[in-house]
Amino acid sequence: MLKRLIPHPFLSLTLVFVWLALVNKFTLGNLLLGILFGIVIPMLTAPYWPDRPKISRPLKGLQYILIVLWDIVVANVQVAAIILFKPEKDIRSQWIVVPLDVTSAEAITVLAGTITMTPGTVSTMLSADGGSILVHCLHTDDPDAVRDEIKNRYERLLKEIFQ
């Protein structure tokens, strides 16, 4: 019964918080309307999510979020240093093919988004078979190290979270 009422609890909770953030005023009415949205919208969209992703280790998900946030801060500083202090002729941008061990569409999407959100790297293309992702790196002397860092720092955790 509860599964039919709230088919996607995380989405429901997210909708409530997003609604409260959008109205920018916390009142009982806004909270109740947010809860209504959090119940009705997932119920209406549930048929379109037949194979919803299973997060097997939510604490690893929290760890992943903290790692990504830290890496975004560090990468911002690194990119600023490259832009401000490195002569343009010394910047070595590279295209890097990262073979993927994760197979779920959700894990691949999160990985591609993480790569793109981290300044200095952009995920550009997924291979037709979903076995690798093409990444552009603003500056690196060692493309293999960038590939290994993506696999060890992000993909390894995503495998634990989604599989």
N, C-alpha and C. Protein backbone atom coordinates (compact mmCIF):
# COMPACT_ATOMS: atom_id res chain seq x y z
N MET A 1 0.82 -1.20 0.00
CA MET A 1 0.00 0.00 0.00
C MET A 1 0.86 1.26 0.00
N LEU A 2 1.85 1.30 0.89
CA LEU A 2 2.72 2.46 0.96
C LEU A 2 3.53 2.62 -0.33
N LYS A 3 3.88 1.49 -0.96
CA LYS A 3 4.63 1.51 -2.21
C LYS A 3 3.80 2.15 -3.33
N ARG A 4 2.49 1.94 -3.31
CA ARG A 4 1.62 2.57 -4.32
C ARG A 4 1.43 4.05 -4.03
N LEU A 5 1.36 4.40 -2.76
CA LEU A 5 1.15 5.80 -2.39
C LEU A 5 2.41 6.63 -2.63
N ILE A 6 3.55 6.08 -2.27
CA ILE A 6 4.83 6.78 -2.45
C ILE A 6 5.78 5.84 -3.19
N PRO A 7 5.65 5.75 -4.54
CA PRO A 7 6.48 4.80 -5.29
C PRO A 7 7.95 5.18 -5.35
N HIS A 8 8.25 6.46 -5.24
CA HIS A 8 9.64 6.93 -5.30
C HIS A 8 9.88 7.88 -4.12
N PRO A 9 10.20 7.35 -2.95
CA PRO A 9 10.31 8.20 -1.76
C PRO A 9 11.34 9.32 -1.88
N PHE A 10 12.48 9.02 -2.50
CA PHE A 10 13.51 10.05 -2.65
C PHE A 10 13.02 11.18 -3.54
N LEU A 11 12.32 10.83 -4.63
CA LEU A 11 11.76 11.85 -5.51
C LEU A 11 10.71 12.67 -4.76
N SER A 12 9.89 12.01 -3.98
CA SER A 12 8.87 12.73 -3.21
C SER A 12 9.51 13.74 -2.26
N LEU A 13 10.51 13.31 -1.54
CA LEU A 13 11.21 14.20 -0.61
C LEU A 13 11.88 15.35 -1.36
N THR A 14 12.49 15.04 -2.48
CA THR A 14 13.14 16.08 -3.29
C THR A 14 12.13 17.10 -3.78
N LEU A 15 10.97 16.64 -4.23
CA LEU A 15 9.94 17.56 -4.71
C LEU A 15 9.45 18.50 -3.61
N VAL A 16 9.30 17.98 -2.40
CA VAL A 16 8.88 18.82 -1.28
C VAL A 16 9.92 19.92 -1.04
N PHE A 17 11.20 19.54 -0.98
CA PHE A 17 12.25 20.54 -0.73
C PHE A 17 12.39 21.53 -1.87
N VAL A 18 12.27 21.05 -3.11
CA VAL A 18 12.37 21.95 -4.27
C VAL A 18 11.21 22.94 -4.24
N TRP A 19 10.00 22.45 -3.93
CA TRP A 19 8.85 23.36 -3.86
C TRP A 19 9.06 24.43 -2.79
N LEU A 20 9.52 24.01 -1.63
CA LEU A 20 9.74 24.99 -0.56
C LEU A 20 10.83 25.99 -0.94
N ALA A 21 11.83 25.53 -1.67
CA ALA A 21 12.88 26.44 -2.12
C ALA A 21 12.35 27.41 -3.18
N LEU A 22 11.47 26.93 -4.04
CA LEU A 22 10.94 27.79 -5.09
C LEU A 22 10.03 28.88 -4.54
N VAL A 23 9.18 28.53 -3.58
CA VAL A 23 8.28 29.55 -3.04
C VAL A 23 9.01 30.48 -2.07
N ASN A 24 10.13 30.03 -1.55
CA ASN A 24 11.01 30.86 -0.72
C ASN A 24 10.31 31.40 0.53
N LYS A 25 9.29 30.68 0.98
CA LYS A 25 8.61 31.09 2.20
C LYS A 25 8.04 29.83 2.84
N PHE A 26 8.44 29.56 4.07
CA PHE A 26 7.98 28.36 4.74
C PHE A 26 6.71 28.67 5.52
N THR A 27 5.59 28.13 5.03
CA THR A 27 4.33 28.22 5.74
C THR A 27 3.71 26.82 5.74
N LEU A 28 2.72 26.63 6.57
CA LEU A 28 2.04 25.33 6.62
C LEU A 28 1.39 25.02 5.27
N GLY A 29 0.80 26.02 4.64
CA GLY A 29 0.17 25.83 3.33
C GLY A 29 1.17 25.41 2.27
N ASN A 30 2.34 26.08 2.25
CA ASN A 30 3.37 25.71 1.28
C ASN A 30 3.89 24.30 1.54
N LEU A 31 4.05 23.95 2.82
CA LEU A 31 4.50 22.61 3.16
C LEU A 31 3.49 21.56 2.71
N LEU A 32 2.21 21.80 2.97
CA LEU A 32 1.17 20.85 2.57
C LEU A 32 1.09 20.72 1.05
N LEU A 33 1.22 21.85 0.34
CA LEU A 33 1.21 21.79 -1.12
C LEU A 33 2.43 21.03 -1.64
N GLY A 34 3.58 21.25 -1.03
CA GLY A 34 4.78 20.50 -1.40
C GLY A 34 4.60 19.01 -1.17
N ILE A 35 4.00 18.65 -0.04
CA ILE A 35 3.74 17.23 0.25
C ILE A 35 2.76 16.67 -0.79
N LEU A 36 1.75 17.44 -1.15
CA LEU A 36 0.81 17.00 -2.18
C LEU A 36 1.54 16.75 -3.50
N PHE A 37 2.39 17.68 -3.91
CA PHE A 37 3.19 17.47 -5.12
C PHE A 37 4.07 16.24 -4.98
N GLY A 38 4.67 16.07 -3.79
CA GLY A 38 5.56 14.94 -3.54
C GLY A 38 4.86 13.59 -3.60
N ILE A 39 3.55 13.59 -3.41
CA ILE A 39 2.78 12.34 -3.50
C ILE A 39 2.19 12.15 -4.90
N VAL A 40 1.59 13.19 -5.45
CA VAL A 40 0.87 13.07 -6.72
C VAL A 40 1.81 12.89 -7.91
N ILE A 41 2.86 13.68 -8.00
CA ILE A 41 3.75 13.62 -9.18
C ILE A 41 4.42 12.24 -9.29
N PRO A 42 5.01 11.68 -8.24
CA PRO A 42 5.57 10.33 -8.37
C PRO A 42 4.52 9.26 -8.71
N MET A 43 3.30 9.42 -8.19
CA MET A 43 2.25 8.45 -8.53
C MET A 43 1.91 8.52 -10.02
N LEU A 44 1.86 9.72 -10.57
CA LEU A 44 1.53 9.87 -11.98
C LEU A 44 2.67 9.41 -12.89
N THR A 45 3.90 9.57 -12.44
CA THR A 45 5.05 9.20 -13.28
C THR A 45 5.57 7.79 -13.03
N ALA A 46 5.07 7.10 -12.01
CA ALA A 46 5.55 5.75 -11.67
C ALA A 46 5.50 4.77 -12.84
N PRO A 47 4.45 4.78 -13.69
CA PRO A 47 4.44 3.83 -14.81
C PRO A 47 5.59 4.03 -15.80
N TYR A 48 6.17 5.21 -15.80
CA TYR A 48 7.27 5.49 -16.73
C TYR A 48 8.63 5.08 -16.16
N TRP A 49 8.66 4.57 -14.94
CA TRP A 49 9.88 4.13 -14.27
C TRP A 49 9.76 2.65 -13.92
N PRO A 50 9.57 1.77 -14.87
CA PRO A 50 9.35 0.37 -14.50
C PRO A 50 10.57 -0.28 -13.83
N ASP A 51 11.75 0.09 -14.27
CA ASP A 51 12.97 -0.50 -13.71
C ASP A 51 13.75 0.58 -12.98
N ARG A 52 13.14 1.11 -11.94
CA ARG A 52 13.80 2.21 -11.24
C ARG A 52 15.10 1.71 -10.62
N PRO A 53 16.09 2.57 -10.56
CA PRO A 53 17.40 2.14 -10.04
C PRO A 53 17.32 1.78 -8.56
N LYS A 54 18.08 0.78 -8.22
CA LYS A 54 18.18 0.36 -6.83
C LYS A 54 19.52 0.85 -6.28
N ILE A 55 19.45 1.63 -5.23
CA ILE A 55 20.67 2.10 -4.58
C ILE A 55 20.92 1.15 -3.42
N SER A 56 21.95 0.33 -3.59
CA SER A 56 22.18 -0.72 -2.61
C SER A 56 22.93 -0.22 -1.37
N ARG A 57 23.71 0.85 -1.51
CA ARG A 57 24.49 1.35 -0.38
C ARG A 57 24.35 2.88 -0.30
N PRO A 58 23.30 3.36 0.36
CA PRO A 58 23.06 4.81 0.40
C PRO A 58 24.17 5.60 1.09
N LEU A 59 24.84 5.02 2.07
CA LEU A 59 25.94 5.75 2.73
C LEU A 59 27.11 5.95 1.77
N LYS A 60 27.30 5.00 0.87
CA LYS A 60 28.33 5.19 -0.16
C LYS A 60 27.91 6.33 -1.09
N GLY A 61 26.60 6.48 -1.30
CA GLY A 61 26.10 7.60 -2.10
C GLY A 61 26.43 8.93 -1.46
N LEU A 62 26.27 9.01 -0.15
CA LEU A 62 26.64 10.22 0.57
C LEU A 62 28.14 10.48 0.48
N GLN A 63 28.93 9.42 0.62
CA GLN A 63 30.38 9.54 0.48
C GLN A 63 30.73 10.05 -0.92
N TYR A 64 30.05 9.52 -1.93
CA TYR A 64 30.29 9.94 -3.31
C TYR A 64 30.00 11.43 -3.48
N ILE A 65 28.89 11.89 -2.94
CA ILE A 65 28.51 13.30 -3.05
C ILE A 65 29.57 14.18 -2.40
N LEU A 66 30.05 13.80 -1.23
CA LEU A 66 31.07 14.60 -0.54
C LEU A 66 32.38 14.62 -1.34
N ILE A 67 32.76 13.49 -1.90
CA ILE A 67 33.98 13.44 -2.72
C ILE A 67 33.84 14.35 -3.94
N VAL A 68 32.70 14.29 -4.61
CA VAL A 68 32.49 15.11 -5.80
C VAL A 68 32.50 16.59 -5.43
N LEU A 69 31.85 16.96 -4.35
CA LEU A 69 31.86 18.37 -3.94
C LEU A 69 33.28 18.85 -3.64
N TRP A 70 34.05 18.04 -2.95
CA TRP A 70 35.45 18.39 -2.67
C TRP A 70 36.24 18.52 -3.97
N ASP A 71 36.05 17.56 -4.88
CA ASP A 71 36.79 17.59 -6.14
C ASP A 71 36.42 18.80 -6.99
N ILE A 72 35.16 19.24 -6.91
CA ILE A 72 34.75 20.44 -7.65
C ILE A 72 35.48 21.67 -7.12
N VAL A 73 35.59 21.78 -5.80
CA VAL A 73 36.30 22.92 -5.21
C VAL A 73 37.77 22.89 -5.61
N VAL A 74 38.41 21.74 -5.48
CA VAL A 74 39.83 21.61 -5.83
C VAL A 74 40.05 21.90 -7.32
N ALA A 75 39.18 21.35 -8.17
CA ALA A 75 39.33 21.55 -9.61
C ALA A 75 39.13 23.01 -10.00
N ASN A 76 38.25 23.73 -9.30
CA ASN A 76 38.08 25.17 -9.58
C ASN A 76 39.38 25.92 -9.34
N VAL A 77 40.05 25.60 -8.26
CA VAL A 77 41.33 26.25 -7.95
C VAL A 77 42.37 25.88 -9.01
N GLN A 78 42.42 24.60 -9.38
CA GLN A 78 43.39 24.16 -10.39
C GLN A 78 43.14 24.82 -11.75
N VAL A 79 41.89 24.88 -12.17
CA VAL A 79 41.58 25.51 -13.45
C VAL A 79 41.89 27.00 -13.41
N ALA A 80 41.58 27.66 -12.31
CA ALA A 80 41.92 29.08 -12.19
C ALA A 80 43.43 29.29 -12.30
N ALA A 81 44.20 28.41 -11.65
CA ALA A 81 45.67 28.52 -11.73
C ALA A 81 46.16 28.30 -13.16
N ILE A 82 45.57 27.33 -13.85
CA ILE A 82 45.96 27.07 -15.24
C ILE A 82 45.67 28.29 -16.11
N ILE A 83 44.48 28.84 -15.95
CA ILE A 83 44.08 29.98 -16.79
C ILE A 83 44.89 31.23 -16.47
N LEU A 84 45.15 31.47 -15.19
CA LEU A 84 45.82 32.71 -14.80
C LEU A 84 47.34 32.66 -14.97
N PHE A 85 47.95 31.50 -14.72
CA PHE A 85 49.40 31.47 -14.62
C PHE A 85 50.11 30.64 -15.68
N LYS A 86 49.41 29.82 -16.43
CA LYS A 86 50.06 28.97 -17.41
C LYS A 86 49.93 29.61 -18.79
N PRO A 87 51.04 29.79 -19.47
CA PRO A 87 50.97 30.33 -20.83
C PRO A 87 50.14 29.40 -21.73
N GLU A 88 49.41 30.00 -22.65
CA GLU A 88 48.50 29.22 -23.50
C GLU A 88 49.24 28.12 -24.26
N LYS A 89 50.47 28.39 -24.66
CA LYS A 89 51.22 27.38 -25.43
C LYS A 89 51.60 26.17 -24.58
N ASP A 90 51.56 26.31 -23.25
CA ASP A 90 51.93 25.20 -22.36
C ASP A 90 50.72 24.36 -21.92
N ILE A 91 49.52 24.78 -22.27
CA ILE A 91 48.33 24.00 -21.89
C ILE A 91 48.21 22.80 -22.82
N ARG A 92 48.12 21.63 -22.23
CA ARG A 92 48.06 20.38 -23.00
C ARG A 92 46.70 19.71 -22.79
N SER A 93 45.75 20.10 -23.61
CA SER A 93 44.44 19.45 -23.50
C SER A 93 44.51 18.09 -24.19
N GLN A 94 43.72 17.16 -23.67
CA GLN A 94 43.77 15.78 -24.17
C GLN A 94 42.36 15.22 -24.28
N TRP A 95 42.19 14.32 -25.25
CA TRP A 95 40.99 13.49 -25.32
C TRP A 95 41.34 12.15 -24.70
N ILE A 96 40.49 11.69 -23.82
CA ILE A 96 40.77 10.46 -23.07
C ILE A 96 39.57 9.52 -23.20
N VAL A 97 39.84 8.28 -23.57
CA VAL A 97 38.79 7.27 -23.61
C VAL A 97 38.83 6.53 -22.28
N VAL A 98 37.70 6.54 -21.58
CA VAL A 98 37.60 5.86 -20.29
C VAL A 98 36.71 4.62 -20.46
N PRO A 99 37.30 3.43 -20.40
CA PRO A 99 36.46 2.23 -20.49
C PRO A 99 35.61 2.10 -19.23
N LEU A 100 34.37 1.66 -19.41
CA LEU A 100 33.44 1.61 -18.29
C LEU A 100 33.23 0.19 -17.80
N ASP A 101 33.21 0.05 -16.48
CA ASP A 101 32.84 -1.22 -15.85
C ASP A 101 31.38 -1.18 -15.39
N VAL A 102 30.84 0.03 -15.15
CA VAL A 102 29.44 0.13 -14.75
C VAL A 102 28.57 -0.10 -15.98
N THR A 103 27.41 -0.71 -15.74
CA THR A 103 26.54 -1.04 -16.86
C THR A 103 25.17 -0.37 -16.79
N SER A 104 24.74 0.04 -15.60
CA SER A 104 23.41 0.63 -15.50
C SER A 104 23.42 2.04 -16.08
N ALA A 105 22.31 2.38 -16.73
CA ALA A 105 22.20 3.71 -17.35
C ALA A 105 22.31 4.81 -16.31
N GLU A 106 21.78 4.56 -15.11
CA GLU A 106 21.82 5.58 -14.06
C GLU A 106 23.26 5.84 -13.61
N ALA A 107 24.03 4.77 -13.42
CA ALA A 107 25.42 4.93 -12.99
C ALA A 107 26.25 5.64 -14.06
N ILE A 108 26.03 5.29 -15.32
CA ILE A 108 26.76 5.95 -16.41
C ILE A 108 26.38 7.43 -16.48
N THR A 109 25.11 7.73 -16.28
CA THR A 109 24.65 9.12 -16.31
C THR A 109 25.27 9.93 -15.17
N VAL A 110 25.30 9.35 -13.98
CA VAL A 110 25.90 10.04 -12.83
C VAL A 110 27.39 10.25 -13.07
N LEU A 111 28.08 9.25 -13.62
CA LEU A 111 29.51 9.38 -13.90
C LEU A 111 29.75 10.49 -14.93
N ALA A 112 28.98 10.49 -16.02
CA ALA A 112 29.15 11.52 -17.05
C ALA A 112 28.86 12.91 -16.48
N GLY A 113 27.83 13.01 -15.66
CA GLY A 113 27.51 14.29 -15.04
C GLY A 113 28.60 14.76 -14.09
N THR A 114 29.16 13.81 -13.34
CA THR A 114 30.24 14.14 -12.41
C THR A 114 31.45 14.66 -13.16
N ILE A 115 31.80 13.99 -14.24
CA ILE A 115 32.96 14.41 -15.04
C ILE A 115 32.73 15.82 -15.58
N THR A 116 31.52 16.08 -16.06
CA THR A 116 31.23 17.38 -16.65
C THR A 116 31.14 18.48 -15.59
N MET A 117 30.62 18.15 -14.40
CA MET A 117 30.51 19.17 -13.34
C MET A 117 31.87 19.54 -12.76
N THR A 118 32.84 18.65 -12.87
CA THR A 118 34.16 18.93 -12.32
C THR A 118 34.91 19.81 -13.31
N PRO A 119 35.25 21.04 -12.93
CA PRO A 119 35.93 21.94 -13.86
C PRO A 119 37.22 21.33 -14.41
N GLY A 120 37.43 21.56 -15.70
CA GLY A 120 38.63 21.07 -16.36
C GLY A 120 38.38 19.78 -17.14
N THR A 121 37.24 19.13 -16.93
CA THR A 121 36.91 17.93 -17.68
C THR A 121 35.48 18.01 -18.18
N VAL A 122 35.25 17.39 -19.34
CA VAL A 122 33.90 17.34 -19.92
C VAL A 122 33.71 15.96 -20.54
N SER A 123 32.62 15.29 -20.17
CA SER A 123 32.29 14.04 -20.86
C SER A 123 31.56 14.42 -22.13
N THR A 124 32.01 13.88 -23.26
CA THR A 124 31.47 14.34 -24.53
C THR A 124 30.65 13.30 -25.26
N MET A 125 31.01 12.02 -25.13
CA MET A 125 30.30 11.01 -25.90
C MET A 125 30.39 9.66 -25.22
N LEU A 126 29.30 8.92 -25.31
CA LEU A 126 29.25 7.55 -24.82
C LEU A 126 29.31 6.65 -26.05
N SER A 127 30.12 5.62 -26.00
CA SER A 127 30.21 4.71 -27.14
C SER A 127 28.86 4.04 -27.37
N ALA A 128 28.64 3.56 -28.59
CA ALA A 128 27.35 2.96 -28.95
C ALA A 128 27.01 1.76 -28.08
N ASP A 129 28.01 1.02 -27.65
CA ASP A 129 27.75 -0.16 -26.82
C ASP A 129 27.74 0.17 -25.32
N GLY A 130 27.97 1.43 -24.97
CA GLY A 130 27.98 1.84 -23.57
C GLY A 130 29.21 1.36 -22.82
N GLY A 131 30.23 0.96 -23.55
CA GLY A 131 31.42 0.40 -22.91
C GLY A 131 32.52 1.40 -22.60
N SER A 132 32.39 2.62 -23.13
CA SER A 132 33.41 3.63 -22.83
C SER A 132 32.82 5.02 -23.02
N ILE A 133 33.50 5.97 -22.41
CA ILE A 133 33.06 7.36 -22.49
C ILE A 133 34.26 8.21 -22.91
N LEU A 134 34.02 9.18 -23.77
CA LEU A 134 35.07 10.06 -24.25
C LEU A 134 35.07 11.32 -23.40
N VAL A 135 36.23 11.65 -22.85
CA VAL A 135 36.36 12.78 -21.93
C VAL A 135 37.40 13.74 -22.48
N HIS A 136 37.09 15.03 -22.43
CA HIS A 136 38.08 16.05 -22.77
C HIS A 136 38.62 16.64 -21.48
N CYS A 137 39.93 16.69 -21.38
CA CYS A 137 40.60 17.24 -20.20
C CYS A 137 41.32 18.52 -20.61
N LEU A 138 41.12 19.59 -19.85
CA LEU A 138 41.71 20.89 -20.17
C LEU A 138 43.24 20.84 -20.20
N HIS A 139 43.83 20.21 -19.20
CA HIS A 139 45.30 20.16 -19.14
C HIS A 139 45.74 18.91 -18.38
N THR A 140 46.56 18.12 -19.03
CA THR A 140 47.19 16.98 -18.36
C THR A 140 48.44 16.56 -19.11
N ASP A 141 49.42 16.14 -18.34
CA ASP A 141 50.62 15.56 -18.94
C ASP A 141 50.51 14.05 -19.01
N ASP A 142 49.56 13.49 -18.27
CA ASP A 142 49.42 12.04 -18.18
C ASP A 142 47.94 11.64 -18.32
N PRO A 143 47.48 11.41 -19.56
CA PRO A 143 46.08 11.04 -19.75
C PRO A 143 45.70 9.74 -19.05
N ASP A 144 46.65 8.82 -18.94
CA ASP A 144 46.36 7.55 -18.25
C ASP A 144 46.05 7.79 -16.77
N ALA A 145 46.71 8.74 -16.16
CA ALA A 145 46.46 9.05 -14.75
C ALA A 145 45.06 9.64 -14.58
N VAL A 146 44.63 10.47 -15.53
CA VAL A 146 43.28 11.04 -15.47
C VAL A 146 42.25 9.91 -15.60
N ARG A 147 42.47 9.02 -16.56
CA ARG A 147 41.56 7.88 -16.75
C ARG A 147 41.49 7.03 -15.48
N ASP A 148 42.66 6.74 -14.91
CA ASP A 148 42.69 5.91 -13.70
C ASP A 148 42.02 6.61 -12.52
N GLU A 149 42.18 7.92 -12.43
CA GLU A 149 41.54 8.66 -11.34
C GLU A 149 40.02 8.62 -11.48
N ILE A 150 39.52 8.77 -12.69
CA ILE A 150 38.06 8.70 -12.92
C ILE A 150 37.55 7.31 -12.53
N LYS A 151 38.27 6.28 -12.95
CA LYS A 151 37.84 4.91 -12.65
C LYS A 151 37.92 4.60 -11.16
N ASN A 152 39.00 4.99 -10.52
CA ASN A 152 39.19 4.65 -9.11
C ASN A 152 38.42 5.55 -8.16
N ARG A 153 38.32 6.81 -8.50
CA ARG A 153 37.69 7.75 -7.56
C ARG A 153 36.17 7.78 -7.71
N TYR A 154 35.67 7.68 -8.94
CA TYR A 154 34.23 7.81 -9.17
C TYR A 154 33.57 6.48 -9.54
N GLU A 155 34.08 5.84 -10.57
CA GLU A 155 33.40 4.64 -11.08
C GLU A 155 33.37 3.51 -10.05
N ARG A 156 34.43 3.35 -9.32
CA ARG A 156 34.47 2.29 -8.30
C ARG A 156 33.35 2.47 -7.28
N LEU A 157 33.14 3.68 -6.82
CA LEU A 157 32.07 3.96 -5.87
C LEU A 157 30.69 3.79 -6.51
N LEU A 158 30.55 4.21 -7.76
CA LEU A 158 29.27 4.06 -8.43
C LEU A 158 28.91 2.58 -8.61
N LYS A 159 29.90 1.75 -8.84
CA LYS A 159 29.62 0.31 -8.93
C LYS A 159 29.05 -0.21 -7.61
N GLU A 160 29.60 0.26 -6.51
CA GLU A 160 29.12 -0.18 -5.20
C GLU A 160 27.72 0.38 -4.91
N ILE A 161 27.45 1.58 -5.37
CA ILE A 161 26.16 2.22 -5.10
C ILE A 161 25.05 1.61 -5.92
N PHE A 162 25.27 1.39 -7.21
CA PHE A 162 24.21 0.98 -8.11
C PHE A 162 24.14 -0.53 -8.39
N GLN A 163 25.18 -1.29 -8.05
CA GLN A 163 25.14 -2.72 -8.40
C GLN A 163 25.33 -3.60 -7.21
